[in-house]
Amino acid sequence: FAGDTGYNKFFKRIGKDYAPVKTALIPIGAYIPRWFMGPVHVDPAQALQIHKDIGAGLSIGMHYGTFPLADDGEMDPINDFNAIVGNENFILMKEGEFRVVRNN
């Protein structure tokens, strides 16, 4: 669980020391304007990099779409994330959605 965080080198260290991480909750929203939000909130590309850095088997995006936190709109984090995610095992869920995760 990353909570509010900017991207930094410590994620690579976490991956080195603790990988593989079975399941990670990684924030993807509240990142615009970057000059202000960058130190405390990752953008979708940085969230994807965290997923890779920590060697996550599954990552679930969080910190988006509930209420306005920054200048990115409600759909911006989702759209920006979907444009780059490719076939990584990193999912976004809709409000109220649930899933059973079995990640051995």
PDB file of N, CA and C in Angstrom:
ATOM      1  N   PHE A   1       0.854  -1.172   0.000  1.00  0.00           N
ATOM      2  CA  PHE A   1       0.000   0.000   0.000  1.00  0.00           C
ATOM      3  C   PHE A   1       0.891   1.222   0.000  1.00  0.00           C
ATOM      4  N   ALA A   2       0.819   2.015  -1.069  1.00  0.00           N
ATOM      5  CA  ALA A   2       1.732   3.148  -1.202  1.00  0.00           C
ATOM      6  C   ALA A   2       1.222   4.414  -0.518  1.00  0.00           C
ATOM      7  N   GLY A   3      -0.090   4.646  -0.453  1.00  0.00           N
ATOM      8  CA  GLY A   3      -0.590   5.899   0.113  1.00  0.00           C
ATOM      9  C   GLY A   3      -0.175   7.079  -0.750  1.00  0.00           C
ATOM     10  N   ASP A   4      -0.210   8.281  -0.190  1.00  0.00           N
ATOM     11  CA  ASP A   4       0.246   9.460  -0.923  1.00  0.00           C
ATOM     12  C   ASP A   4       1.764   9.398  -1.032  1.00  0.00           C
ATOM     13  N   THR A   5       2.256   9.450  -2.259  1.00  0.00           N
ATOM     14  CA  THR A   5       3.704   9.392  -2.448  1.00  0.00           C
ATOM     15  C   THR A   5       4.084   9.936  -3.807  1.00  0.00           C
ATOM     16  N   GLY A   6       5.216  10.589  -3.872  1.00  0.00           N
ATOM     17  CA  GLY A   6       5.844  10.891  -5.137  1.00  0.00           C
ATOM     18  C   GLY A   6       6.740   9.715  -5.499  1.00  0.00           C
ATOM     19  N   TYR A   7       7.192   9.681  -6.750  1.00  0.00           N
ATOM     20  CA  TYR A   7       8.082   8.601  -7.164  1.00  0.00           C
ATOM     21  C   TYR A   7       9.489   8.895  -6.655  1.00  0.00           C
ATOM     22  N   ASN A   8      10.167   7.867  -6.178  1.00  0.00           N
ATOM     23  CA  ASN A   8      11.556   8.030  -5.764  1.00  0.00           C
ATOM     24  C   ASN A   8      12.291   6.696  -5.857  1.00  0.00           C
ATOM     25  N   LYS A   9      13.588   6.746  -5.628  1.00  0.00           N
ATOM     26  CA  LYS A   9      14.455   5.572  -5.783  1.00  0.00           C
ATOM     27  C   LYS A   9      14.157   4.459  -4.794  1.00  0.00           C
ATOM     28  N   PHE A  10      13.429   4.760  -3.742  1.00  0.00           N
ATOM     29  CA  PHE A  10      13.177   3.749  -2.717  1.00  0.00           C
ATOM     30  C   PHE A  10      12.283   2.615  -3.210  1.00  0.00           C
ATOM     31  N   PHE A  11      11.502   2.859  -4.250  1.00  0.00           N
ATOM     32  CA  PHE A  11      10.684   1.770  -4.785  1.00  0.00           C
ATOM     33  C   PHE A  11      11.567   0.680  -5.392  1.00  0.00           C
ATOM     34  N   LYS A  12      12.642   1.075  -6.053  1.00  0.00           N
ATOM     35  CA  LYS A  12      13.578   0.071  -6.576  1.00  0.00           C
ATOM     36  C   LYS A  12      14.225  -0.693  -5.429  1.00  0.00           C
ATOM     37  N   ARG A  13      14.505  -0.003  -4.349  1.00  0.00           N
ATOM     38  CA  ARG A  13      15.095  -0.662  -3.174  1.00  0.00           C
ATOM     39  C   ARG A  13      14.114  -1.659  -2.565  1.00  0.00           C
ATOM     40  N   ILE A  14      12.834  -1.274  -2.490  1.00  0.00           N
ATOM     41  CA  ILE A  14      11.805  -2.193  -1.987  1.00  0.00           C
ATOM     42  C   ILE A  14      11.770  -3.446  -2.854  1.00  0.00           C
ATOM     43  N   GLY A  15      11.810  -3.250  -4.180  1.00  0.00           N
ATOM     44  CA  GLY A  15      11.828  -4.390  -5.086  1.00  0.00           C
ATOM     45  C   GLY A  15      13.039  -5.272  -4.879  1.00  0.00           C
ATOM     46  N   LYS A  16      14.179  -4.650  -4.688  1.00  0.00           N
ATOM     47  CA  LYS A  16      15.414  -5.412  -4.480  1.00  0.00           C
ATOM     48  C   LYS A  16      15.356  -6.210  -3.179  1.00  0.00           C
ATOM     49  N   ASP A  17      14.835  -5.593  -2.136  1.00  0.00           N
ATOM     50  CA  ASP A  17      14.835  -6.223  -0.810  1.00  0.00           C
ATOM     51  C   ASP A  17      13.665  -7.176  -0.570  1.00  0.00           C
ATOM     52  N   TYR A  18      12.509  -6.911  -1.215  1.00  0.00           N
ATOM     53  CA  TYR A  18      11.300  -7.653  -0.847  1.00  0.00           C
ATOM     54  C   TYR A  18      10.566  -8.333  -1.997  1.00  0.00           C
ATOM     55  N   ALA A  19      10.992  -8.152  -3.231  1.00  0.00           N
ATOM     56  CA  ALA A  19      10.286  -8.766  -4.357  1.00  0.00           C
ATOM     57  C   ALA A  19      10.343 -10.280  -4.244  1.00  0.00           C
ATOM     58  N   PRO A  20       9.348 -10.957  -4.735  1.00  0.00           N
ATOM     59  CA  PRO A  20       8.173 -10.392  -5.384  1.00  0.00           C
ATOM     60  C   PRO A  20       7.108  -9.979  -4.368  1.00  0.00           C
ATOM     61  N   VAL A  21       6.475  -8.850  -4.645  1.00  0.00           N
ATOM     62  CA  VAL A  21       5.321  -8.402  -3.871  1.00  0.00           C
ATOM     63  C   VAL A  21       4.103  -9.038  -4.524  1.00  0.00           C
ATOM     64  N   LYS A  22       3.312  -9.766  -3.780  1.00  0.00           N
ATOM     65  CA  LYS A  22       2.170 -10.465  -4.377  1.00  0.00           C
ATOM     66  C   LYS A  22       1.113  -9.496  -4.895  1.00  0.00           C
ATOM     67  N   THR A  23       0.654  -8.584  -4.050  1.00  0.00           N
ATOM     68  CA  THR A  23      -0.395  -7.641  -4.434  1.00  0.00           C
ATOM     69  C   THR A  23      -0.048  -6.262  -3.893  1.00  0.00           C
ATOM     70  N   ALA A  24      -0.167  -5.244  -4.740  1.00  0.00           N
ATOM     71  CA  ALA A  24       0.143  -3.873  -4.339  1.00  0.00           C
ATOM     72  C   ALA A  24      -1.036  -2.959  -4.638  1.00  0.00           C
ATOM     73  N   LEU A  25      -1.290  -2.019  -3.748  1.00  0.00           N
ATOM     74  CA  LEU A  25      -2.250  -0.942  -3.977  1.00  0.00           C
ATOM     75  C   LEU A  25      -1.431   0.306  -4.260  1.00  0.00           C
ATOM     76  N   ILE A  26      -1.590   0.846  -5.476  1.00  0.00           N
ATOM     77  CA  ILE A  26      -0.748   1.957  -5.916  1.00  0.00           C
ATOM     78  C   ILE A  26      -1.635   3.106  -6.393  1.00  0.00           C
ATOM     79  N   PRO A  27      -1.391   4.331  -5.905  1.00  0.00           N
ATOM     80  CA  PRO A  27      -2.199   5.472  -6.329  1.00  0.00           C
ATOM     81  C   PRO A  27      -1.909   5.855  -7.777  1.00  0.00           C
ATOM     82  N   ILE A  28      -2.939   6.334  -8.479  1.00  0.00           N
ATOM     83  CA  ILE A  28      -2.745   6.791  -9.858  1.00  0.00           C
ATOM     84  C   ILE A  28      -3.297   8.192 -10.093  1.00  0.00           C
ATOM     85  N   GLY A  29      -3.950   8.812  -9.106  1.00  0.00           N
ATOM     86  CA  GLY A  29      -4.641  10.076  -9.348  1.00  0.00           C
ATOM     87  C   GLY A  29      -4.119  11.244  -8.540  1.00  0.00           C
ATOM     88  N   ALA A  30      -4.727  12.417  -8.800  1.00  0.00           N
ATOM     89  CA  ALA A  30      -4.407  13.684  -8.125  1.00  0.00           C
ATOM     90  C   ALA A  30      -2.969  14.106  -8.402  1.00  0.00           C
ATOM     91  N   TYR A  31      -2.620  14.219  -9.690  1.00  0.00           N
ATOM     92  CA  TYR A  31      -1.236  14.485 -10.076  1.00  0.00           C
ATOM     93  C   TYR A  31      -1.027  15.765 -10.872  1.00  0.00           C
ATOM     94  N   ILE A  32      -2.080  16.519 -11.138  1.00  0.00           N
ATOM     95  CA  ILE A  32      -1.958  17.762 -11.909  1.00  0.00           C
ATOM     96  C   ILE A  32      -2.352  18.937 -11.019  1.00  0.00           C
ATOM     97  N   PRO A  33      -1.573  19.998 -10.961  1.00  0.00           N
ATOM     98  CA  PRO A  33      -0.355  20.304 -11.718  1.00  0.00           C
ATOM     99  C   PRO A  33       0.862  19.585 -11.143  1.00  0.00           C
ATOM    100  N   ARG A  34       1.723  19.125 -12.029  1.00  0.00           N
ATOM    101  CA  ARG A  34       2.890  18.344 -11.612  1.00  0.00           C
ATOM    102  C   ARG A  34       3.826  19.133 -10.703  1.00  0.00           C
ATOM    103  N   TRP A  35       3.978  20.441 -10.966  1.00  0.00           N
ATOM    104  CA  TRP A  35       4.912  21.232 -10.158  1.00  0.00           C
ATOM    105  C   TRP A  35       4.510  21.221  -8.687  1.00  0.00           C
ATOM    106  N   PHE A  36       3.228  21.091  -8.424  1.00  0.00           N
ATOM    107  CA  PHE A  36       2.718  21.115  -7.055  1.00  0.00           C
ATOM    108  C   PHE A  36       2.483  19.707  -6.505  1.00  0.00           C
ATOM    109  N   MET A  37       1.909  18.843  -7.321  1.00  0.00           N
ATOM    110  CA  MET A  37       1.528  17.505  -6.864  1.00  0.00           C
ATOM    111  C   MET A  37       2.639  16.468  -7.017  1.00  0.00           C
ATOM    112  N   GLY A  38       3.606  16.714  -7.876  1.00  0.00           N
ATOM    113  CA  GLY A  38       4.666  15.740  -8.142  1.00  0.00           C
ATOM    114  C   GLY A  38       5.366  15.176  -6.916  1.00  0.00           C
ATOM    115  N   PRO A  39       5.718  15.998  -5.942  1.00  0.00           N
ATOM    116  CA  PRO A  39       6.416  15.453  -4.773  1.00  0.00           C
ATOM    117  C   PRO A  39       5.563  14.540  -3.890  1.00  0.00           C
ATOM    118  N   VAL A  40       4.229  14.648  -4.006  1.00  0.00           N
ATOM    119  CA  VAL A  40       3.363  13.890  -3.090  1.00  0.00           C
ATOM    120  C   VAL A  40       2.409  12.914  -3.769  1.00  0.00           C
ATOM    121  N   HIS A  41       2.257  13.011  -5.092  1.00  0.00           N
ATOM    122  CA  HIS A  41       1.341  12.119  -5.814  1.00  0.00           C
ATOM    123  C   HIS A  41       1.977  11.674  -7.122  1.00  0.00           C
ATOM    124  N   VAL A  42       2.051  10.368  -7.345  1.00  0.00           N
ATOM    125  CA  VAL A  42       2.566   9.858  -8.615  1.00  0.00           C
ATOM    126  C   VAL A  42       1.516  10.006  -9.705  1.00  0.00           C
ATOM    127  N   ASP A  43       1.972  10.101 -10.951  1.00  0.00           N
ATOM    128  CA  ASP A  43       1.062  10.077 -12.091  1.00  0.00           C
ATOM    129  C   ASP A  43       0.951   8.627 -12.574  1.00  0.00           C
ATOM    130  N   PRO A  44       0.061   8.351 -13.531  1.00  0.00           N
ATOM    131  CA  PRO A  44      -0.109   6.960 -13.971  1.00  0.00           C
ATOM    132  C   PRO A  44       1.175   6.294 -14.473  1.00  0.00           C
ATOM    133  N   ALA A  45       2.018   7.031 -15.183  1.00  0.00           N
ATOM    134  CA  ALA A  45       3.267   6.434 -15.673  1.00  0.00           C
ATOM    135  C   ALA A  45       4.188   6.064 -14.512  1.00  0.00           C
ATOM    136  N   GLN A  46       4.249   6.908 -13.507  1.00  0.00           N
ATOM    137  CA  GLN A  46       5.072   6.599 -12.339  1.00  0.00           C
ATOM    138  C   GLN A  46       4.477   5.440 -11.544  1.00  0.00           C
ATOM    139  N   ALA A  47       3.151   5.374 -11.483  1.00  0.00           N
ATOM    140  CA  ALA A  47       2.494   4.249 -10.801  1.00  0.00           C
ATOM    141  C   ALA A  47       2.867   2.934 -11.478  1.00  0.00           C
ATOM    142  N   LEU A  48       2.860   2.934 -12.800  1.00  0.00           N
ATOM    143  CA  LEU A  48       3.251   1.732 -13.538  1.00  0.00           C
ATOM    144  C   LEU A  48       4.722   1.392 -13.273  1.00  0.00           C
ATOM    145  N   GLN A  49       5.562   2.403 -13.160  1.00  0.00           N
ATOM    146  CA  GLN A  49       6.974   2.157 -12.855  1.00  0.00           C
ATOM    147  C   GLN A  49       7.140   1.572 -11.456  1.00  0.00           C
ATOM    148  N   ILE A  50       6.351   2.043 -10.497  1.00  0.00           N
ATOM    149  CA  ILE A  50       6.392   1.467  -9.150  1.00  0.00           C
ATOM    150  C   ILE A  50       6.034  -0.013  -9.207  1.00  0.00           C
ATOM    151  N   HIS A  51       4.968  -0.331  -9.942  1.00  0.00           N
ATOM    152  CA  HIS A  51       4.549  -1.727 -10.128  1.00  0.00           C
ATOM    153  C   HIS A  51       5.733  -2.578 -10.597  1.00  0.00           C
ATOM    154  N   LYS A  52       6.461  -2.076 -11.571  1.00  0.00           N
ATOM    155  CA  LYS A  52       7.615  -2.809 -12.101  1.00  0.00           C
ATOM    156  C   LYS A  52       8.768  -2.835 -11.101  1.00  0.00           C
ATOM    157  N   ASP A  53       9.032  -1.697 -10.477  1.00  0.00           N
ATOM    158  CA  ASP A  53      10.163  -1.598  -9.539  1.00  0.00           C
ATOM    159  C   ASP A  53      10.040  -2.571  -8.374  1.00  0.00           C
ATOM    160  N   ILE A  54       8.829  -2.740  -7.859  1.00  0.00           N
ATOM    161  CA  ILE A  54       8.662  -3.597  -6.680  1.00  0.00           C
ATOM    162  C   ILE A  54       8.415  -5.053  -7.046  1.00  0.00           C
ATOM    163  N   GLY A  55       8.322  -5.335  -8.343  1.00  0.00           N
ATOM    164  CA  GLY A  55       8.103  -6.707  -8.784  1.00  0.00           C
ATOM    165  C   GLY A  55       6.744  -7.238  -8.373  1.00  0.00           C
ATOM    166  N   ALA A  56       5.711  -6.396  -8.503  1.00  0.00           N
ATOM    167  CA  ALA A  56       4.369  -6.792  -8.068  1.00  0.00           C
ATOM    168  C   ALA A  56       3.767  -7.842  -8.992  1.00  0.00           C
ATOM    169  N   GLY A  57       3.186  -8.866  -8.396  1.00  0.00           N
ATOM    170  CA  GLY A  57       2.455  -9.863  -9.171  1.00  0.00           C
ATOM    171  C   GLY A  57       1.148  -9.291  -9.691  1.00  0.00           C
ATOM    172  N   LEU A  58       0.495  -8.482  -8.875  1.00  0.00           N
ATOM    173  CA  LEU A  58      -0.746  -7.798  -9.226  1.00  0.00           C
ATOM    174  C   LEU A  58      -0.729  -6.450  -8.536  1.00  0.00           C
ATOM    175  N   SER A  59      -1.069  -5.408  -9.281  1.00  0.00           N
ATOM    176  CA  SER A  59      -1.257  -4.088  -8.687  1.00  0.00           C
ATOM    177  C   SER A  59      -2.674  -3.631  -8.960  1.00  0.00           C
ATOM    178  N   ILE A  60      -3.238  -2.951  -7.978  1.00  0.00           N
ATOM    179  CA  ILE A  60      -4.580  -2.390  -8.080  1.00  0.00           C
ATOM    180  C   ILE A  60      -4.451  -0.887  -7.887  1.00  0.00           C
ATOM    181  N   GLY A  61      -4.944  -0.130  -8.876  1.00  0.00           N
ATOM    182  CA  GLY A  61      -4.890   1.323  -8.792  1.00  0.00           C
ATOM    183  C   GLY A  61      -5.875   1.851  -7.763  1.00  0.00           C
ATOM    184  N   MET A  62      -5.489   2.944  -7.114  1.00  0.00           N
ATOM    185  CA  MET A  62      -6.348   3.585  -6.120  1.00  0.00           C
ATOM    186  C   MET A  62      -6.111   5.090  -6.171  1.00  0.00           C
ATOM    187  N   HIS A  63      -6.845   5.828  -5.361  1.00  0.00           N
ATOM    188  CA  HIS A  63      -6.659   7.274  -5.218  1.00  0.00           C
ATOM    189  C   HIS A  63      -7.069   7.997  -6.494  1.00  0.00           C
ATOM    190  N   TYR A  64      -8.233   7.647  -7.038  1.00  0.00           N
ATOM    191  CA  TYR A  64      -8.747   8.297  -8.239  1.00  0.00           C
ATOM    192  C   TYR A  64     -10.260   8.121  -8.290  1.00  0.00           C
ATOM    193  N   GLY A  65     -10.934   9.056  -8.967  1.00  0.00           N
ATOM    194  CA  GLY A  65     -12.334   8.885  -9.325  1.00  0.00           C
ATOM    195  C   GLY A  65     -13.370   9.020  -8.226  1.00  0.00           C
ATOM    196  N   THR A  66     -12.981   9.290  -6.991  1.00  0.00           N
ATOM    197  CA  THR A  66     -13.966   9.376  -5.915  1.00  0.00           C
ATOM    198  C   THR A  66     -14.474  10.800  -5.746  1.00  0.00           C
ATOM    199  N   PHE A  67     -13.572  11.748  -5.640  1.00  0.00           N
ATOM    200  CA  PHE A  67     -13.926  13.163  -5.556  1.00  0.00           C
ATOM    201  C   PHE A  67     -12.723  13.971  -6.028  1.00  0.00           C
ATOM    202  N   PRO A  68     -12.944  15.235  -6.434  1.00  0.00           N
ATOM    203  CA  PRO A  68     -11.841  16.042  -6.968  1.00  0.00           C
ATOM    204  C   PRO A  68     -10.774  16.313  -5.909  1.00  0.00           C
ATOM    205  N   LEU A  69      -9.546  15.969  -6.231  1.00  0.00           N
ATOM    206  CA  LEU A  69      -8.417  16.217  -5.337  1.00  0.00           C
ATOM    207  C   LEU A  69      -7.407  17.184  -5.946  1.00  0.00           C
ATOM    208  N   ALA A  70      -7.382  17.262  -7.261  1.00  0.00           N
ATOM    209  CA  ALA A  70      -6.395  18.083  -7.957  1.00  0.00           C
ATOM    210  C   ALA A  70      -7.005  18.532  -9.286  1.00  0.00           C
ATOM    211  N   ASP A  71      -6.165  19.049 -10.182  1.00  0.00           N
ATOM    212  CA  ASP A  71      -6.661  19.566 -11.453  1.00  0.00           C
ATOM    213  C   ASP A  71      -6.904  18.497 -12.509  1.00  0.00           C
ATOM    214  N   ASP A  72      -6.438  17.274 -12.299  1.00  0.00           N
ATOM    215  CA  ASP A  72      -6.782  16.221 -13.249  1.00  0.00           C
ATOM    216  C   ASP A  72      -8.264  15.905 -13.053  1.00  0.00           C
ATOM    217  N   GLY A  73      -8.963  15.715 -14.157  1.00  0.00           N
ATOM    218  CA  GLY A  73     -10.392  15.437 -14.090  1.00  0.00           C
ATOM    219  C   GLY A  73     -10.678  14.023 -13.605  1.00  0.00           C
ATOM    220  N   GLU A  74     -11.933  13.725 -13.445  1.00  0.00           N
ATOM    221  CA  GLU A  74     -12.335  12.410 -12.933  1.00  0.00           C
ATOM    222  C   GLU A  74     -11.838  11.272 -13.813  1.00  0.00           C
ATOM    223  N   MET A  75     -11.847  11.477 -15.121  1.00  0.00           N
ATOM    224  CA  MET A  75     -11.455  10.412 -16.044  1.00  0.00           C
ATOM    225  C   MET A  75      -9.989  10.467 -16.466  1.00  0.00           C
ATOM    226  N   ASP A  76      -9.302  11.573 -16.229  1.00  0.00           N
ATOM    227  CA  ASP A  76      -7.908  11.699 -16.673  1.00  0.00           C
ATOM    228  C   ASP A  76      -7.008  10.580 -16.152  1.00  0.00           C
ATOM    229  N   PRO A  77      -7.028  10.264 -14.856  1.00  0.00           N
ATOM    230  CA  PRO A  77      -6.162   9.176 -14.398  1.00  0.00           C
ATOM    231  C   PRO A  77      -6.460   7.841 -15.090  1.00  0.00           C
ATOM    232  N   ILE A  78      -7.734   7.558 -15.289  1.00  0.00           N
ATOM    233  CA  ILE A  78      -8.132   6.309 -15.946  1.00  0.00           C
ATOM    234  C   ILE A  78      -7.661   6.296 -17.395  1.00  0.00           C
ATOM    235  N   ASN A  79      -7.939   7.374 -18.118  1.00  0.00           N
ATOM    236  CA  ASN A  79      -7.551   7.446 -19.528  1.00  0.00           C
ATOM    237  C   ASN A  79      -6.033   7.430 -19.696  1.00  0.00           C
ATOM    238  N   ASP A  80      -5.333   8.204 -18.873  1.00  0.00           N
ATOM    239  CA  ASP A  80      -3.870   8.238 -18.970  1.00  0.00           C
ATOM    240  C   ASP A  80      -3.270   6.874 -18.631  1.00  0.00           C
ATOM    241  N   PHE A  81      -3.815   6.215 -17.630  1.00  0.00           N
ATOM    242  CA  PHE A  81      -3.341   4.888 -17.242  1.00  0.00           C
ATOM    243  C   PHE A  81      -3.591   3.872 -18.357  1.00  0.00           C
ATOM    244  N   ASN A  82      -4.817   3.839 -18.872  1.00  0.00           N
ATOM    245  CA  ASN A  82      -5.167   2.865 -19.912  1.00  0.00           C
ATOM    246  C   ASN A  82      -4.343   3.043 -21.180  1.00  0.00           C
ATOM    247  N   ALA A  83      -3.871   4.264 -21.439  1.00  0.00           N
ATOM    248  CA  ALA A  83      -3.063   4.526 -22.628  1.00  0.00           C
ATOM    249  C   ALA A  83      -1.669   3.904 -22.533  1.00  0.00           C
ATOM    250  N   ILE A  84      -1.212   3.580 -21.328  1.00  0.00           N
ATOM    251  CA  ILE A  84       0.164   3.092 -21.174  1.00  0.00           C
ATOM    252  C   ILE A  84       0.294   1.705 -20.558  1.00  0.00           C
ATOM    253  N   VAL A  85      -0.764   1.160 -19.979  1.00  0.00           N
ATOM    254  CA  VAL A  85      -0.628  -0.050 -19.160  1.00  0.00           C
ATOM    255  C   VAL A  85      -0.195  -1.287 -19.947  1.00  0.00           C
ATOM    256  N   GLY A  86      -0.574  -1.371 -21.202  1.00  0.00           N
ATOM    257  CA  GLY A  86      -0.206  -2.551 -21.983  1.00  0.00           C
ATOM    258  C   GLY A  86      -0.755  -3.814 -21.353  1.00  0.00           C
ATOM    259  N   ASN A  87       0.059  -4.857 -21.280  1.00  0.00           N
ATOM    260  CA  ASN A  87      -0.420  -6.127 -20.726  1.00  0.00           C
ATOM    261  C   ASN A  87       0.144  -6.392 -19.330  1.00  0.00           C
ATOM    262  N   GLU A  88       0.498  -5.330 -18.609  1.00  0.00           N
ATOM    263  CA  GLU A  88       0.945  -5.482 -17.220  1.00  0.00           C
ATOM    264  C   GLU A  88      -0.221  -5.970 -16.369  1.00  0.00           C
ATOM    265  N   ASN A  89       0.060  -6.669 -15.315  1.00  0.00           N
ATOM    266  CA  ASN A  89      -0.972  -7.169 -14.403  1.00  0.00           C
ATOM    267  C   ASN A  89      -1.268  -6.084 -13.360  1.00  0.00           C
ATOM    268  N   PHE A  90      -1.885  -5.003 -13.852  1.00  0.00           N
ATOM    269  CA  PHE A  90      -2.187  -3.818 -13.051  1.00  0.00           C
ATOM    270  C   PHE A  90      -3.604  -3.417 -13.442  1.00  0.00           C
ATOM    271  N   ILE A  91      -4.522  -3.453 -12.504  1.00  0.00           N
ATOM    272  CA  ILE A  91      -5.928  -3.239 -12.830  1.00  0.00           C
ATOM    273  C   ILE A  91      -6.490  -2.003 -12.137  1.00  0.00           C
ATOM    274  N   LEU A  92      -7.526  -1.453 -12.753  1.00  0.00           N
ATOM    275  CA  LEU A  92      -8.335  -0.398 -12.152  1.00  0.00           C
ATOM    276  C   LEU A  92      -9.730  -0.959 -11.959  1.00  0.00           C
ATOM    277  N   MET A  93     -10.371  -0.540 -10.900  1.00  0.00           N
ATOM    278  CA  MET A  93     -11.725  -1.017 -10.620  1.00  0.00           C
ATOM    279  C   MET A  93     -12.677   0.169 -10.575  1.00  0.00           C
ATOM    280  N   LYS A  94     -13.926  -0.086 -10.926  1.00  0.00           N
ATOM    281  CA  LYS A  94     -14.958   0.942 -10.854  1.00  0.00           C
ATOM    282  C   LYS A  94     -15.438   1.080  -9.414  1.00  0.00           C
ATOM    283  N   GLU A  95     -15.962   2.240  -9.099  1.00  0.00           N
ATOM    284  CA  GLU A  95     -16.509   2.464  -7.763  1.00  0.00           C
ATOM    285  C   GLU A  95     -17.557   1.399  -7.451  1.00  0.00           C
ATOM    286  N   GLY A  96     -17.432   0.746  -6.317  1.00  0.00           N
ATOM    287  CA  GLY A  96     -18.363  -0.300  -5.905  1.00  0.00           C
ATOM    288  C   GLY A  96     -18.036  -1.686  -6.433  1.00  0.00           C
ATOM    289  N   GLU A  97     -17.104  -1.788  -7.362  1.00  0.00           N
ATOM    290  CA  GLU A  97     -16.719  -3.087  -7.917  1.00  0.00           C
ATOM    291  C   GLU A  97     -15.910  -3.878  -6.894  1.00  0.00           C
ATOM    292  N   PHE A  98     -16.071  -5.181  -6.931  1.00  0.00           N
ATOM    293  CA  PHE A  98     -15.226  -6.027  -6.095  1.00  0.00           C
ATOM    294  C   PHE A  98     -14.731  -7.195  -6.925  1.00  0.00           C
ATOM    295  N   ARG A  99     -13.628  -7.734  -6.512  1.00  0.00           N
ATOM    296  CA  ARG A  99     -13.036  -8.899  -7.170  1.00  0.00           C
ATOM    297  C   ARG A  99     -12.447  -9.807  -6.106  1.00  0.00           C
ATOM    298  N   VAL A 100     -12.477 -11.064  -6.380  1.00  0.00           N
ATOM    299  CA  VAL A 100     -11.773 -12.024  -5.546  1.00  0.00           C
ATOM    300  C   VAL A 100     -10.392 -12.189  -6.168  1.00  0.00           C
ATOM    301  N   VAL A 101      -9.363 -11.932  -5.384  1.00  0.00           N
ATOM    302  CA  VAL A 101      -7.997 -12.002  -5.882  1.00  0.00           C
ATOM    303  C   VAL A 101      -7.305 -13.186  -5.234  1.00  0.00           C
ATOM    304  N   ARG A 102      -6.888 -14.096  -6.065  1.00  0.00           N
ATOM    305  CA  ARG A 102      -6.082 -15.223  -5.602  1.00  0.00           C
ATOM    306  C   ARG A 102      -4.731 -15.085  -6.270  1.00  0.00           C
ATOM    307  N   ASN A 103      -3.796 -14.623  -5.529  1.00  0.00           N
ATOM    308  CA  ASN A 103      -2.484 -14.337  -6.082  1.00  0.00           C
ATOM    309  C   ASN A 103      -1.447 -15.122  -5.297  1.00  0.00           C
ATOM    310  N   ASN A 104      -1.259 -16.378  -5.691  1.00  0.00           N
ATOM    311  CA  ASN A 104      -0.316 -17.237  -4.974  1.00  0.00           C
ATOM    312  C   ASN A 104       1.058 -16.852  -5.382  1.00  0.00           C
TER     313      ASN A 104
END
